[in-house]
Amino acid sequence: MINVPDRRRAVELINEAVEAGASKKKACSELEISSRTYRRWTQCGSVKADGRPDAERPAPANKLMPEERQQISSRSMEGL
């Protein structure tokens, strides 16, 4: 993950390169990000923070139920 200050700096550098005549795709490539990443970072008019840490993720369908966890714990204690 790239923190917000580093993203802002990357966007500044890309914008500076584009103003100097470089293509946006080439400027992004020099910083090893895709032009799609640049668009995603700047789509609101300002540089967005990474949303992954705050994303809500549903529990996996194959997650063990508390009773199943208890059975596994009990069985592992029997083997000691």
N, C-alpha and C. Protein backbone atom coordinates (compact mmCIF):
# COMPACT_ATOMS: atom_id res chain seq x y z
N MET A 1 0.84 -1.19 0.00
CA MET A 1 0.00 0.00 0.00
C MET A 1 0.88 1.25 0.00
N ILE A 2 0.42 2.23 -0.67
CA ILE A 2 1.13 3.50 -0.74
C ILE A 2 0.37 4.50 0.12
N ASN A 3 1.07 5.13 1.05
CA ASN A 3 0.39 6.08 1.94
C ASN A 3 0.00 7.36 1.19
N VAL A 4 -0.89 8.12 1.79
CA VAL A 4 -1.45 9.30 1.13
C VAL A 4 -0.38 10.34 0.77
N PRO A 5 0.56 10.67 1.64
CA PRO A 5 1.57 11.65 1.22
C PRO A 5 2.38 11.20 0.00
N ASP A 6 2.69 9.91 -0.06
CA ASP A 6 3.43 9.40 -1.22
C ASP A 6 2.56 9.42 -2.48
N ARG A 7 1.28 9.13 -2.32
CA ARG A 7 0.36 9.21 -3.46
C ARG A 7 0.28 10.65 -3.98
N ARG A 8 0.15 11.59 -3.04
CA ARG A 8 0.07 13.00 -3.44
C ARG A 8 1.32 13.40 -4.21
N ARG A 9 2.47 12.99 -3.72
CA ARG A 9 3.73 13.33 -4.38
C ARG A 9 3.79 12.71 -5.77
N ALA A 10 3.35 11.45 -5.90
CA ALA A 10 3.34 10.79 -7.20
C ALA A 10 2.42 11.53 -8.17
N VAL A 11 1.24 11.94 -7.71
CA VAL A 11 0.30 12.68 -8.55
C VAL A 11 0.90 14.02 -8.96
N GLU A 12 1.57 14.69 -8.03
CA GLU A 12 2.23 15.97 -8.35
C GLU A 12 3.28 15.76 -9.45
N LEU A 13 4.09 14.72 -9.30
CA LEU A 13 5.14 14.46 -10.29
C LEU A 13 4.55 14.13 -11.66
N ILE A 14 3.48 13.35 -11.66
CA ILE A 14 2.84 12.99 -12.93
C ILE A 14 2.26 14.24 -13.59
N ASN A 15 1.56 15.04 -12.81
CA ASN A 15 0.98 16.27 -13.35
C ASN A 15 2.06 17.21 -13.89
N GLU A 16 3.16 17.29 -13.17
CA GLU A 16 4.29 18.14 -13.61
C GLU A 16 4.85 17.63 -14.94
N ALA A 17 5.00 16.32 -15.05
CA ALA A 17 5.53 15.74 -16.28
C ALA A 17 4.57 15.97 -17.45
N VAL A 18 3.27 15.83 -17.19
CA VAL A 18 2.27 16.04 -18.24
C VAL A 18 2.29 17.50 -18.69
N GLU A 19 2.40 18.43 -17.76
CA GLU A 19 2.47 19.86 -18.10
C GLU A 19 3.71 20.17 -18.92
N ALA A 20 4.78 19.39 -18.71
CA ALA A 20 6.01 19.60 -19.46
C ALA A 20 5.99 18.90 -20.82
N GLY A 21 4.89 18.19 -21.11
CA GLY A 21 4.76 17.59 -22.43
C GLY A 21 4.77 16.08 -22.49
N ALA A 22 4.98 15.42 -21.37
CA ALA A 22 4.99 13.95 -21.37
C ALA A 22 3.56 13.42 -21.44
N SER A 23 3.43 12.21 -21.91
CA SER A 23 2.10 11.59 -21.89
C SER A 23 1.83 11.09 -20.47
N LYS A 24 0.57 11.09 -20.10
CA LYS A 24 0.21 10.63 -18.75
C LYS A 24 0.59 9.17 -18.56
N LYS A 25 0.39 8.37 -19.61
CA LYS A 25 0.72 6.95 -19.53
C LYS A 25 2.21 6.74 -19.27
N LYS A 26 3.05 7.48 -19.98
CA LYS A 26 4.51 7.36 -19.81
C LYS A 26 4.93 7.86 -18.42
N ALA A 27 4.34 8.96 -17.96
CA ALA A 27 4.67 9.49 -16.64
C ALA A 27 4.30 8.48 -15.55
N CYS A 28 3.14 7.86 -15.68
CA CYS A 28 2.73 6.84 -14.72
C CYS A 28 3.68 5.65 -14.76
N SER A 29 4.04 5.25 -15.96
CA SER A 29 4.94 4.12 -16.13
C SER A 29 6.28 4.36 -15.44
N GLU A 30 6.78 5.58 -15.50
CA GLU A 30 8.06 5.91 -14.85
C GLU A 30 7.98 5.73 -13.33
N LEU A 31 6.79 5.92 -12.76
CA LEU A 31 6.61 5.73 -11.32
C LEU A 31 6.09 4.34 -10.98
N GLU A 32 6.02 3.50 -12.02
CA GLU A 32 5.61 2.10 -11.88
C GLU A 32 4.19 1.95 -11.34
N ILE A 33 3.29 2.83 -11.82
CA ILE A 33 1.87 2.66 -11.56
C ILE A 33 1.15 2.71 -12.90
N SER A 34 -0.03 2.14 -12.96
CA SER A 34 -0.79 2.19 -14.21
C SER A 34 -1.55 3.50 -14.30
N SER A 35 -1.92 3.86 -15.51
CA SER A 35 -2.72 5.07 -15.67
C SER A 35 -4.09 4.88 -15.02
N ARG A 36 -4.56 3.64 -14.94
CA ARG A 36 -5.83 3.35 -14.25
C ARG A 36 -5.69 3.64 -12.75
N THR A 37 -4.56 3.30 -12.17
CA THR A 37 -4.32 3.59 -10.76
C THR A 37 -4.33 5.09 -10.53
N TYR A 38 -3.68 5.82 -11.41
CA TYR A 38 -3.69 7.29 -11.31
C TYR A 38 -5.12 7.83 -11.35
N ARG A 39 -5.93 7.34 -12.28
CA ARG A 39 -7.33 7.79 -12.37
C ARG A 39 -8.10 7.45 -11.11
N ARG A 40 -7.87 6.26 -10.57
CA ARG A 40 -8.58 5.84 -9.36
C ARG A 40 -8.18 6.72 -8.18
N TRP A 41 -6.90 7.06 -8.08
CA TRP A 41 -6.42 7.89 -6.98
C TRP A 41 -6.99 9.30 -7.05
N THR A 42 -7.25 9.80 -8.27
CA THR A 42 -7.63 11.20 -8.43
C THR A 42 -9.07 11.40 -8.89
N GLN A 43 -9.90 10.39 -8.86
CA GLN A 43 -11.24 10.51 -9.43
C GLN A 43 -12.14 11.49 -8.70
N CYS A 44 -11.89 11.82 -7.47
CA CYS A 44 -12.74 12.77 -6.72
C CYS A 44 -12.22 14.20 -6.80
N GLY A 45 -11.17 14.42 -7.53
CA GLY A 45 -10.58 15.75 -7.61
C GLY A 45 -9.46 15.96 -6.61
N SER A 46 -9.32 15.03 -5.68
CA SER A 46 -8.20 15.06 -4.74
C SER A 46 -7.68 13.64 -4.61
N VAL A 47 -6.54 13.47 -3.98
CA VAL A 47 -5.92 12.16 -3.86
C VAL A 47 -6.62 11.38 -2.74
N LYS A 48 -7.13 10.21 -3.11
CA LYS A 48 -7.85 9.36 -2.16
C LYS A 48 -6.89 8.46 -1.40
N ALA A 49 -7.25 8.17 -0.15
CA ALA A 49 -6.51 7.19 0.65
C ALA A 49 -6.90 5.79 0.20
N ASP A 50 -6.07 4.84 0.51
CA ASP A 50 -6.36 3.44 0.18
C ASP A 50 -7.57 2.98 1.00
N GLY A 51 -8.58 2.46 0.35
CA GLY A 51 -9.80 2.05 1.03
C GLY A 51 -9.77 0.63 1.55
N ARG A 52 -8.74 -0.15 1.21
CA ARG A 52 -8.72 -1.56 1.60
C ARG A 52 -8.72 -1.78 3.11
N PRO A 53 -7.96 -1.02 3.90
CA PRO A 53 -7.97 -1.30 5.34
C PRO A 53 -9.34 -1.10 5.99
N ASP A 54 -10.15 -0.22 5.44
CA ASP A 54 -11.45 0.07 6.02
C ASP A 54 -12.60 -0.68 5.35
N ALA A 55 -12.29 -1.51 4.37
CA ALA A 55 -13.34 -2.22 3.63
C ALA A 55 -14.01 -3.26 4.52
N GLU A 56 -15.32 -3.38 4.37
CA GLU A 56 -16.05 -4.42 5.08
C GLU A 56 -15.97 -5.69 4.26
N ARG A 57 -15.58 -6.75 4.91
CA ARG A 57 -15.45 -8.03 4.21
C ARG A 57 -16.37 -9.04 4.88
N PRO A 58 -17.21 -9.70 4.10
CA PRO A 58 -18.10 -10.71 4.68
C PRO A 58 -17.30 -11.92 5.13
N ALA A 59 -17.84 -12.63 6.10
CA ALA A 59 -17.19 -13.87 6.57
C ALA A 59 -17.24 -14.89 5.44
N PRO A 60 -16.19 -15.69 5.29
CA PRO A 60 -16.20 -16.70 4.24
C PRO A 60 -17.30 -17.74 4.49
N ALA A 61 -17.83 -18.29 3.41
CA ALA A 61 -18.91 -19.26 3.52
C ALA A 61 -18.46 -20.53 4.25
N ASN A 62 -17.18 -20.83 4.20
CA ASN A 62 -16.68 -22.05 4.84
C ASN A 62 -16.09 -21.80 6.23
N LYS A 63 -16.40 -20.68 6.83
CA LYS A 63 -15.90 -20.36 8.17
C LYS A 63 -16.49 -21.34 9.18
N LEU A 64 -15.66 -21.79 10.11
CA LEU A 64 -16.13 -22.73 11.12
C LEU A 64 -17.12 -22.06 12.06
N MET A 65 -18.12 -22.81 12.44
CA MET A 65 -19.08 -22.34 13.44
C MET A 65 -18.42 -22.48 14.81
N PRO A 66 -18.86 -21.71 15.80
CA PRO A 66 -18.25 -21.82 17.14
C PRO A 66 -18.25 -23.25 17.67
N GLU A 67 -19.32 -24.01 17.41
CA GLU A 67 -19.39 -25.40 17.89
C GLU A 67 -18.29 -26.24 17.23
N GLU A 68 -18.06 -26.02 15.95
CA GLU A 68 -17.02 -26.76 15.23
C GLU A 68 -15.64 -26.42 15.78
N ARG A 69 -15.42 -25.15 16.07
CA ARG A 69 -14.15 -24.75 16.68
C ARG A 69 -13.94 -25.44 18.02
N GLN A 70 -14.99 -25.49 18.79
CA GLN A 70 -14.92 -26.12 20.11
C GLN A 70 -14.57 -27.60 19.97
N GLN A 71 -15.18 -28.28 19.01
CA GLN A 71 -14.88 -29.70 18.80
C GLN A 71 -13.42 -29.90 18.43
N ILE A 72 -12.91 -29.04 17.60
CA ILE A 72 -11.50 -29.15 17.20
C ILE A 72 -10.60 -28.92 18.40
N SER A 73 -10.91 -27.90 19.21
CA SER A 73 -10.12 -27.60 20.40
C SER A 73 -10.13 -28.78 21.36
N SER A 74 -11.31 -29.36 21.55
CA SER A 74 -11.45 -30.49 22.47
C SER A 74 -10.63 -31.67 21.99
N ARG A 75 -10.68 -31.94 20.71
CA ARG A 75 -9.94 -33.09 20.16
C ARG A 75 -8.43 -32.86 20.25
N SER A 76 -7.98 -31.63 20.04
CA SER A 76 -6.54 -31.39 20.11
C SER A 76 -6.04 -31.49 21.55
N MET A 77 -6.90 -31.17 22.53
CA MET A 77 -6.51 -31.27 23.93
C MET A 77 -6.44 -32.73 24.35
N GLU A 78 -7.27 -33.59 23.75
CA GLU A 78 -7.26 -35.02 24.07
C GLU A 78 -5.95 -35.66 23.65
N GLY A 79 -5.37 -35.15 22.57
CA GLY A 79 -4.14 -35.74 22.05
C GLY A 79 -2.90 -35.36 22.86
N LEU A 80 -3.02 -34.44 23.81
CA LEU A 80 -1.86 -34.02 24.60
C LEU A 80 -1.56 -34.94 25.72
